[in-house]
Amino acid sequence: MLTQSTRMVESRWRDLYRIGGVSCLLLAGLVAFAVIAYSIWPYAPGFASTEAIFVTLNTDRLGALFSLDVMMLVTAPIDIFLFITLYAALKRVNESYALIALVLGLMAIALLIPTKPLAELVFLSEQYAAATTEAARSQYLAAGEALLTLAGGTAWIVFSLFSNISFLLSSLLMLRSTDFDKATAYIGIVNSIFALGIIIPVFAIAAICGLGTTIVGTIWFVLLGRNFLRLEKEARRLA
């Protein structure tokens, strides 16, 4: 059962609170940047043919990488700091659930990386462009198509489940913490529910949930960043 925490900021975590706060604000900025990037280079896996992706990788590599979701790899290491900081801030509420949330979050990051085989796709696109026979081109296209299926495969589904269950647990713990305001907790819960809906295999529902988590998630990152930076100031006063 979740227990009520006391107002007791640990000074030893002050640097981590600052890192977590800056990370959250950076994540909010990167999400906003990603929205702009995807409006220019729409998401490609599942929507564009493998051949079209290969051609774009050779003619507009930066744009192609954005369309292949390179921003998820950019934000992944920043998410690690977020998960660790959430654990440090919430373990006084209930250390068992805070630890479960941390482990799920770190496992999610590990699962994310294989779903974005961008270096492999770049290599295959170069080999495809250099191929001199139709048989060779067909082989590279088949290999590329197999890699592109990873974008929505098992690892991606489990990543989505683990990361958003982690955020949901953390948000529920915030409701019992005096270190976080209730708005941050409730917005985190709503964001997690929207994000879990992305994996529903119905395009309209997934699209609505994706839009919802983009908007709500950005707000949540800003609120989290504000809370972490406030905790950092309190921790410094106690040091």
C-alpha atoms as a PDB file:
ATOM      1  CA  MET A   1       0.000   0.000   0.000  1.00  0.00           C
ATOM      2  CA  LEU A   2       1.261   3.493  -0.817  1.00  0.00           C
ATOM      3  CA  THR A   3       2.173   5.501   2.253  1.00  0.00           C
ATOM      4  CA  GLN A   4       2.241   9.229   2.965  1.00  0.00           C
ATOM      5  CA  SER A   5       5.688  10.824   2.804  1.00  0.00           C
ATOM      6  CA  THR A   6       7.068  13.497   5.064  1.00  0.00           C
ATOM      7  CA  ARG A   7       8.581  16.763   3.888  1.00  0.00           C
ATOM      8  CA  MET A   8      12.211  15.742   4.065  1.00  0.00           C
ATOM      9  CA  VAL A   9      14.422  16.590   1.097  1.00  0.00           C
ATOM     10  CA  GLU A  10      17.747  14.763   1.220  1.00  0.00           C
ATOM     11  CA  SER A  11      20.627  17.151   0.552  1.00  0.00           C
ATOM     12  CA  ARG A  12      22.798  14.400  -0.952  1.00  0.00           C
ATOM     13  CA  TRP A  13      20.510  14.270  -4.004  1.00  0.00           C
ATOM     14  CA  ARG A  14      20.758  17.992  -4.791  1.00  0.00           C
ATOM     15  CA  ASP A  15      22.921  17.546  -7.909  1.00  0.00           C
ATOM     16  CA  LEU A  16      20.656  14.775  -9.167  1.00  0.00           C
ATOM     17  CA  TYR A  17      17.591  16.983  -8.679  1.00  0.00           C
ATOM     18  CA  ARG A  18      19.265  19.678 -10.762  1.00  0.00           C
ATOM     19  CA  ILE A  19      20.211  17.186 -13.484  1.00  0.00           C
ATOM     20  CA  GLY A  20      16.669  15.784 -13.457  1.00  0.00           C
ATOM     21  CA  GLY A  21      15.141  19.245 -13.649  1.00  0.00           C
ATOM     22  CA  VAL A  22      17.306  20.303 -16.573  1.00  0.00           C
ATOM     23  CA  SER A  23      16.653  16.954 -18.279  1.00  0.00           C
ATOM     24  CA  CYS A  24      12.880  17.424 -18.024  1.00  0.00           C
ATOM     25  CA  LEU A  25      13.019  20.919 -19.503  1.00  0.00           C
ATOM     26  CA  LEU A  26      15.307  19.640 -22.254  1.00  0.00           C
ATOM     27  CA  LEU A  27      12.848  16.814 -22.981  1.00  0.00           C
ATOM     28  CA  ALA A  28      10.003  19.322 -23.274  1.00  0.00           C
ATOM     29  CA  GLY A  29      12.044  21.338 -25.770  1.00  0.00           C
ATOM     30  CA  LEU A  30      12.999  18.242 -27.762  1.00  0.00           C
ATOM     31  CA  VAL A  31       9.377  17.097 -27.969  1.00  0.00           C
ATOM     32  CA  ALA A  32       8.404  20.503 -29.369  1.00  0.00           C
ATOM     33  CA  PHE A  33      11.310  20.308 -31.830  1.00  0.00           C
ATOM     34  CA  ALA A  34      10.281  16.782 -32.848  1.00  0.00           C
ATOM     35  CA  VAL A  35       6.747  17.955 -33.649  1.00  0.00           C
ATOM     36  CA  ILE A  36       8.189  20.538 -36.043  1.00  0.00           C
ATOM     37  CA  ALA A  37      10.597  18.000 -37.547  1.00  0.00           C
ATOM     38  CA  TYR A  38       7.857  15.416 -38.118  1.00  0.00           C
ATOM     39  CA  SER A  39       5.690  18.018 -39.826  1.00  0.00           C
ATOM     40  CA  ILE A  40       8.521  18.434 -42.347  1.00  0.00           C
ATOM     41  CA  TRP A  41       9.641  14.788 -42.504  1.00  0.00           C
ATOM     42  CA  PRO A  42       6.604  12.613 -41.652  1.00  0.00           C
ATOM     43  CA  TYR A  43       7.063   9.328 -39.825  1.00  0.00           C
ATOM     44  CA  ALA A  44       8.006   6.734 -42.450  1.00  0.00           C
ATOM     45  CA  PRO A  45       7.965   3.150 -41.047  1.00  0.00           C
ATOM     46  CA  GLY A  46       4.702   1.503 -42.034  1.00  0.00           C
ATOM     47  CA  PHE A  47       3.728   4.427 -44.255  1.00  0.00           C
ATOM     48  CA  ALA A  48       6.495   4.714 -46.869  1.00  0.00           C
ATOM     49  CA  SER A  49       7.912   1.832 -48.888  1.00  0.00           C
ATOM     50  CA  THR A  50      11.347   0.445 -48.044  1.00  0.00           C
ATOM     51  CA  GLU A  51      12.598   1.568 -51.434  1.00  0.00           C
ATOM     52  CA  ALA A  52      11.384   5.132 -50.831  1.00  0.00           C
ATOM     53  CA  ILE A  53      13.099   5.169 -47.428  1.00  0.00           C
ATOM     54  CA  PHE A  54      16.361   3.935 -48.971  1.00  0.00           C
ATOM     55  CA  VAL A  55      16.208   6.616 -51.662  1.00  0.00           C
ATOM     56  CA  THR A  56      15.568   9.331 -49.068  1.00  0.00           C
ATOM     57  CA  LEU A  57      18.437   8.059 -46.918  1.00  0.00           C
ATOM     58  CA  ASN A  58      20.742   8.583 -49.888  1.00  0.00           C
ATOM     59  CA  THR A  59      19.350  11.933 -51.037  1.00  0.00           C
ATOM     60  CA  ASP A  60      18.321  13.574 -47.742  1.00  0.00           C
ATOM     61  CA  ARG A  61      19.917  11.616 -44.912  1.00  0.00           C
ATOM     62  CA  LEU A  62      19.067  14.047 -42.111  1.00  0.00           C
ATOM     63  CA  GLY A  63      15.427  14.229 -43.151  1.00  0.00           C
ATOM     64  CA  ALA A  64      15.250  10.458 -43.506  1.00  0.00           C
ATOM     65  CA  LEU A  65      16.685   9.931 -40.019  1.00  0.00           C
ATOM     66  CA  PHE A  66      14.063  12.261 -38.566  1.00  0.00           C
ATOM     67  CA  SER A  67      11.350  10.329 -40.414  1.00  0.00           C
ATOM     68  CA  LEU A  68      12.789   7.113 -38.935  1.00  0.00           C
ATOM     69  CA  ASP A  69      12.331   8.477 -35.393  1.00  0.00           C
ATOM     70  CA  VAL A  70      15.926   9.393 -34.566  1.00  0.00           C
ATOM     71  CA  MET A  71      14.554  11.757 -31.899  1.00  0.00           C
ATOM     72  CA  MET A  72      13.595   8.745 -29.781  1.00  0.00           C
ATOM     73  CA  LEU A  73      17.264   7.762 -29.638  1.00  0.00           C
ATOM     74  CA  VAL A  74      18.242  11.347 -28.808  1.00  0.00           C
ATOM     75  CA  THR A  75      15.856  11.496 -25.860  1.00  0.00           C
ATOM     76  CA  ALA A  76      16.584   7.956 -24.581  1.00  0.00           C
ATOM     77  CA  PRO A  77      19.713   8.815 -22.523  1.00  0.00           C
ATOM     78  CA  ILE A  78      17.953  11.886 -21.107  1.00  0.00           C
ATOM     79  CA  ASP A  79      15.060   9.661 -20.008  1.00  0.00           C
ATOM     80  CA  ILE A  80      17.533   7.653 -17.930  1.00  0.00           C
ATOM     81  CA  PHE A  81      18.236  10.725 -15.785  1.00  0.00           C
ATOM     82  CA  LEU A  82      14.501  11.295 -15.435  1.00  0.00           C
ATOM     83  CA  PHE A  83      13.819   7.752 -14.181  1.00  0.00           C
ATOM     84  CA  ILE A  84      16.687   7.920 -11.675  1.00  0.00           C
ATOM     85  CA  THR A  85      15.617  11.321 -10.366  1.00  0.00           C
ATOM     86  CA  LEU A  86      12.023  10.162  -9.948  1.00  0.00           C
ATOM     87  CA  TYR A  87      13.269   7.249  -7.854  1.00  0.00           C
ATOM     88  CA  ALA A  88      15.371   9.522  -5.640  1.00  0.00           C
ATOM     89  CA  ALA A  89      12.451  11.896  -5.108  1.00  0.00           C
ATOM     90  CA  LEU A  90       9.759   9.262  -4.525  1.00  0.00           C
ATOM     91  CA  LYS A  91      11.489   6.469  -2.612  1.00  0.00           C
ATOM     92  CA  ARG A  92      10.480   8.112   0.685  1.00  0.00           C
ATOM     93  CA  VAL A  93       6.832   7.592  -0.260  1.00  0.00           C
ATOM     94  CA  ASN A  94       7.200   3.891  -0.985  1.00  0.00           C
ATOM     95  CA  GLU A  95      10.640   2.577  -1.913  1.00  0.00           C
ATOM     96  CA  SER A  96       9.326  -0.717  -3.287  1.00  0.00           C
ATOM     97  CA  TYR A  97       7.086   0.900  -5.903  1.00  0.00           C
ATOM     98  CA  ALA A  98       9.668   3.586  -6.662  1.00  0.00           C
ATOM     99  CA  LEU A  99      12.257   0.880  -7.339  1.00  0.00           C
ATOM    100  CA  ILE A 100       9.838  -1.068  -9.548  1.00  0.00           C
ATOM    101  CA  ALA A 101       9.182   2.117 -11.541  1.00  0.00           C
ATOM    102  CA  LEU A 102      12.933   2.719 -11.916  1.00  0.00           C
ATOM    103  CA  VAL A 103      13.661  -0.831 -13.112  1.00  0.00           C
ATOM    104  CA  LEU A 104      10.759  -0.760 -15.592  1.00  0.00           C
ATOM    105  CA  GLY A 105      11.963   2.575 -16.935  1.00  0.00           C
ATOM    106  CA  LEU A 106      15.551   1.416 -17.428  1.00  0.00           C
ATOM    107  CA  MET A 107      14.381  -1.826 -19.056  1.00  0.00           C
ATOM    108  CA  ALA A 108      12.218   0.246 -21.402  1.00  0.00           C
ATOM    109  CA  ILE A 109      15.235   2.264 -22.565  1.00  0.00           C
ATOM    110  CA  ALA A 110      17.181  -0.942 -23.214  1.00  0.00           C
ATOM    111  CA  LEU A 111      14.274  -2.269 -25.289  1.00  0.00           C
ATOM    112  CA  LEU A 112      13.916   0.952 -27.281  1.00  0.00           C
ATOM    113  CA  ILE A 113      17.357   0.895 -28.889  1.00  0.00           C
ATOM    114  CA  PRO A 114      16.841  -2.289 -30.982  1.00  0.00           C
ATOM    115  CA  THR A 115      13.627  -0.810 -32.438  1.00  0.00           C
ATOM    116  CA  LYS A 116      15.640   1.963 -34.125  1.00  0.00           C
ATOM    117  CA  PRO A 117      18.288   0.194 -36.266  1.00  0.00           C
ATOM    118  CA  LEU A 118      19.206   3.424 -38.044  1.00  0.00           C
ATOM    119  CA  ALA A 119      22.887   2.664 -38.697  1.00  0.00           C
ATOM    120  CA  GLU A 120      21.907  -0.658 -40.236  1.00  0.00           C
ATOM    121  CA  LEU A 121      19.334   1.002 -42.483  1.00  0.00           C
ATOM    122  CA  VAL A 122      21.859   3.606 -43.625  1.00  0.00           C
ATOM    123  CA  PHE A 123      24.315   0.831 -44.518  1.00  0.00           C
ATOM    124  CA  LEU A 124      21.664  -1.125 -46.428  1.00  0.00           C
ATOM    125  CA  SER A 125      20.552   1.991 -48.295  1.00  0.00           C
ATOM    126  CA  GLU A 126      24.133   2.585 -49.437  1.00  0.00           C
ATOM    127  CA  GLN A 127      24.469  -1.019 -50.555  1.00  0.00           C
ATOM    128  CA  TYR A 128      21.125  -0.744 -52.344  1.00  0.00           C
ATOM    129  CA  ALA A 129      22.280   2.360 -54.213  1.00  0.00           C
ATOM    130  CA  ALA A 130      25.532   0.668 -55.221  1.00  0.00           C
ATOM    131  CA  ALA A 131      23.903  -2.615 -56.311  1.00  0.00           C
ATOM    132  CA  THR A 132      24.186  -3.388 -60.017  1.00  0.00           C
ATOM    133  CA  THR A 133      21.664  -6.202 -60.313  1.00  0.00           C
ATOM    134  CA  GLU A 134      17.960  -6.439 -59.565  1.00  0.00           C
ATOM    135  CA  ALA A 135      18.554  -9.552 -57.460  1.00  0.00           C
ATOM    136  CA  ALA A 136      21.001  -7.702 -55.189  1.00  0.00           C
ATOM    137  CA  ARG A 137      18.631  -4.748 -54.821  1.00  0.00           C
ATOM    138  CA  SER A 138      15.810  -7.121 -53.895  1.00  0.00           C
ATOM    139  CA  GLN A 139      17.966  -8.683 -51.183  1.00  0.00           C
ATOM    140  CA  TYR A 140      18.771  -5.309 -49.653  1.00  0.00           C
ATOM    141  CA  LEU A 141      15.125  -4.269 -49.809  1.00  0.00           C
ATOM    142  CA  ALA A 142      14.068  -7.477 -48.051  1.00  0.00           C
ATOM    143  CA  ALA A 143      16.686  -6.945 -45.323  1.00  0.00           C
ATOM    144  CA  GLY A 144      15.552  -3.333 -44.900  1.00  0.00           C
ATOM    145  CA  GLU A 145      11.909  -4.310 -44.685  1.00  0.00           C
ATOM    146  CA  ALA A 146      12.731  -6.821 -41.958  1.00  0.00           C
ATOM    147  CA  LEU A 147      14.507  -4.117 -39.943  1.00  0.00           C
ATOM    148  CA  LEU A 148      11.656  -1.654 -40.413  1.00  0.00           C
ATOM    149  CA  THR A 149       9.179  -4.097 -38.866  1.00  0.00           C
ATOM    150  CA  LEU A 150      11.065  -3.638 -35.582  1.00  0.00           C
ATOM    151  CA  ALA A 151       9.638  -0.102 -35.350  1.00  0.00           C
ATOM    152  CA  GLY A 152       6.286  -1.537 -34.276  1.00  0.00           C
ATOM    153  CA  GLY A 153       7.314  -4.997 -33.136  1.00  0.00           C
ATOM    154  CA  THR A 154       7.438  -6.778 -29.801  1.00  0.00           C
ATOM    155  CA  ALA A 155      10.300  -4.722 -28.359  1.00  0.00           C
ATOM    156  CA  TRP A 156       8.460  -1.487 -29.188  1.00  0.00           C
ATOM    157  CA  ILE A 157       5.231  -2.699 -27.582  1.00  0.00           C
ATOM    158  CA  VAL A 158       7.024  -3.832 -24.420  1.00  0.00           C
ATOM    159  CA  PHE A 159       8.988  -0.556 -24.344  1.00  0.00           C
ATOM    160  CA  SER A 160       5.732   1.397 -24.475  1.00  0.00           C
ATOM    161  CA  LEU A 161       4.165  -0.717 -21.730  1.00  0.00           C
ATOM    162  CA  PHE A 162       7.174  -0.621 -19.397  1.00  0.00           C
ATOM    163  CA  SER A 163       7.943   3.083 -19.789  1.00  0.00           C
ATOM    164  CA  ASN A 164       4.363   4.220 -19.288  1.00  0.00           C
ATOM    165  CA  ILE A 165       3.651   1.834 -16.415  1.00  0.00           C
ATOM    166  CA  SER A 166       6.794   3.289 -14.824  1.00  0.00           C
ATOM    167  CA  PHE A 167       5.506   6.838 -15.302  1.00  0.00           C
ATOM    168  CA  LEU A 168       2.062   5.819 -14.041  1.00  0.00           C
ATOM    169  CA  LEU A 169       3.528   4.319 -10.859  1.00  0.00           C
ATOM    170  CA  SER A 170       5.609   7.443 -10.278  1.00  0.00           C
ATOM    171  CA  SER A 171       2.584   9.689 -10.818  1.00  0.00           C
ATOM    172  CA  LEU A 172       0.522   7.662  -8.329  1.00  0.00           C
ATOM    173  CA  LEU A 173       3.325   7.968  -5.788  1.00  0.00           C
ATOM    174  CA  MET A 174       3.322  11.739  -6.320  1.00  0.00           C
ATOM    175  CA  LEU A 175      -0.250  11.851  -5.048  1.00  0.00           C
ATOM    176  CA  ARG A 176       1.082  10.678  -1.658  1.00  0.00           C
ATOM    177  CA  SER A 177       4.140  12.940  -1.705  1.00  0.00           C
ATOM    178  CA  THR A 178       4.384  16.425  -0.252  1.00  0.00           C
ATOM    179  CA  ASP A 179       7.298  17.173  -2.592  1.00  0.00           C
ATOM    180  CA  PHE A 180       5.089  17.293  -5.704  1.00  0.00           C
ATOM    181  CA  ASP A 181       1.941  19.287  -6.360  1.00  0.00           C
ATOM    182  CA  LYS A 182      -1.222  17.417  -7.234  1.00  0.00           C
ATOM    183  CA  ALA A 183      -1.385  18.958 -10.721  1.00  0.00           C
ATOM    184  CA  THR A 184       1.901  17.290 -11.661  1.00  0.00           C
ATOM    185  CA  ALA A 185       0.637  13.935 -10.385  1.00  0.00           C
ATOM    186  CA  TYR A 186      -2.713  14.069 -12.172  1.00  0.00           C
ATOM    187  CA  ILE A 187      -1.207  15.284 -15.453  1.00  0.00           C
ATOM    188  CA  GLY A 188       1.317  12.438 -15.226  1.00  0.00           C
ATOM    189  CA  ILE A 189      -1.514   9.937 -14.821  1.00  0.00           C
ATOM    190  CA  VAL A 190      -3.395  11.351 -17.816  1.00  0.00           C
ATOM    191  CA  ASN A 191      -0.209  11.338 -19.896  1.00  0.00           C
ATOM    192  CA  SER A 192       0.469   7.688 -19.064  1.00  0.00           C
ATOM    193  CA  ILE A 193      -3.067   6.681 -20.063  1.00  0.00           C
ATOM    194  CA  PHE A 194      -2.759   8.531 -23.389  1.00  0.00           C
ATOM    195  CA  ALA A 195       0.668   6.984 -24.038  1.00  0.00           C
ATOM    196  CA  LEU A 196      -0.566   3.441 -23.353  1.00  0.00           C
ATOM    197  CA  GLY A 197      -3.228   4.020 -25.999  1.00  0.00           C
ATOM    198  CA  ILE A 198      -0.584   4.462 -28.701  1.00  0.00           C
ATOM    199  CA  ILE A 199      -0.064   0.701 -28.912  1.00  0.00           C
ATOM    200  CA  ILE A 200      -3.769   0.021 -29.609  1.00  0.00           C
ATOM    201  CA  PRO A 201      -3.828  -1.454 -33.156  1.00  0.00           C
ATOM    202  CA  VAL A 202      -6.441   1.008 -34.403  1.00  0.00           C
ATOM    203  CA  PHE A 203      -4.914   3.912 -36.310  1.00  0.00           C
ATOM    204  CA  ALA A 204      -7.502   6.542 -35.322  1.00  0.00           C
ATOM    205  CA  ILE A 205      -7.223   5.711 -31.604  1.00  0.00           C
ATOM    206  CA  ALA A 206      -3.424   5.506 -31.724  1.00  0.00           C
ATOM    207  CA  ALA A 207      -3.244   8.851 -33.558  1.00  0.00           C
ATOM    208  CA  ILE A 208      -5.496  10.600 -31.027  1.00  0.00           C
ATOM    209  CA  CYS A 209      -3.519   9.122 -28.126  1.00  0.00           C
ATOM    210  CA  GLY A 210      -0.268  10.133 -29.804  1.00  0.00           C
ATOM    211  CA  LEU A 211      -1.452  13.729 -30.125  1.00  0.00           C
ATOM    212  CA  GLY A 212      -2.700  13.683 -26.540  1.00  0.00           C
ATOM    213  CA  THR A 213       0.545  12.392 -25.063  1.00  0.00           C
ATOM    214  CA  THR A 214       2.553  14.908 -27.106  1.00  0.00           C
ATOM    215  CA  ILE A 215       0.636  17.824 -25.626  1.00  0.00           C
ATOM    216  CA  VAL A 216       0.091  16.486 -22.111  1.00  0.00           C
ATOM    217  CA  GLY A 217       3.573  14.953 -21.930  1.00  0.00           C
ATOM    218  CA  THR A 218       5.242  18.253 -22.784  1.00  0.00           C
ATOM    219  CA  ILE A 219       3.306  19.995 -20.013  1.00  0.00           C
ATOM    220  CA  TRP A 220       4.229  17.204 -17.592  1.00  0.00           C
ATOM    221  CA  PHE A 221       7.931  17.498 -18.362  1.00  0.00           C
ATOM    222  CA  VAL A 222       7.814  21.238 -17.651  1.00  0.00           C
ATOM    223  CA  LEU A 223       5.984  20.703 -14.345  1.00  0.00           C
ATOM    224  CA  LEU A 224       8.393  17.913 -13.354  1.00  0.00           C
ATOM    225  CA  GLY A 225      11.374  20.094 -14.202  1.00  0.00           C
ATOM    226  CA  ARG A 226       9.993  22.874 -12.039  1.00  0.00           C
ATOM    227  CA  ASN A 227       9.454  20.480  -9.124  1.00  0.00           C
ATOM    228  CA  PHE A 228      12.931  18.968  -9.403  1.00  0.00           C
ATOM    229  CA  LEU A 229      14.627  22.374  -9.524  1.00  0.00           C
ATOM    230  CA  ARG A 230      12.650  23.457  -6.458  1.00  0.00           C
ATOM    231  CA  LEU A 231      13.770  20.305  -4.638  1.00  0.00           C
ATOM    232  CA  GLU A 232      17.346  21.078  -5.654  1.00  0.00           C
ATOM    233  CA  LYS A 233      17.092  24.529  -4.038  1.00  0.00           C
ATOM    234  CA  GLU A 234      15.647  23.055  -0.846  1.00  0.00           C
ATOM    235  CA  ALA A 235      18.360  20.406  -0.760  1.00  0.00           C
ATOM    236  CA  ARG A 236      21.063  23.067  -1.091  1.00  0.00           C
ATOM    237  CA  ARG A 237      19.607  24.987   1.852  1.00  0.00           C
ATOM    238  CA  LEU A 238      19.863  21.838   3.954  1.00  0.00           C
ATOM    239  CA  ALA A 239      23.434  21.073   2.861  1.00  0.00           C
END
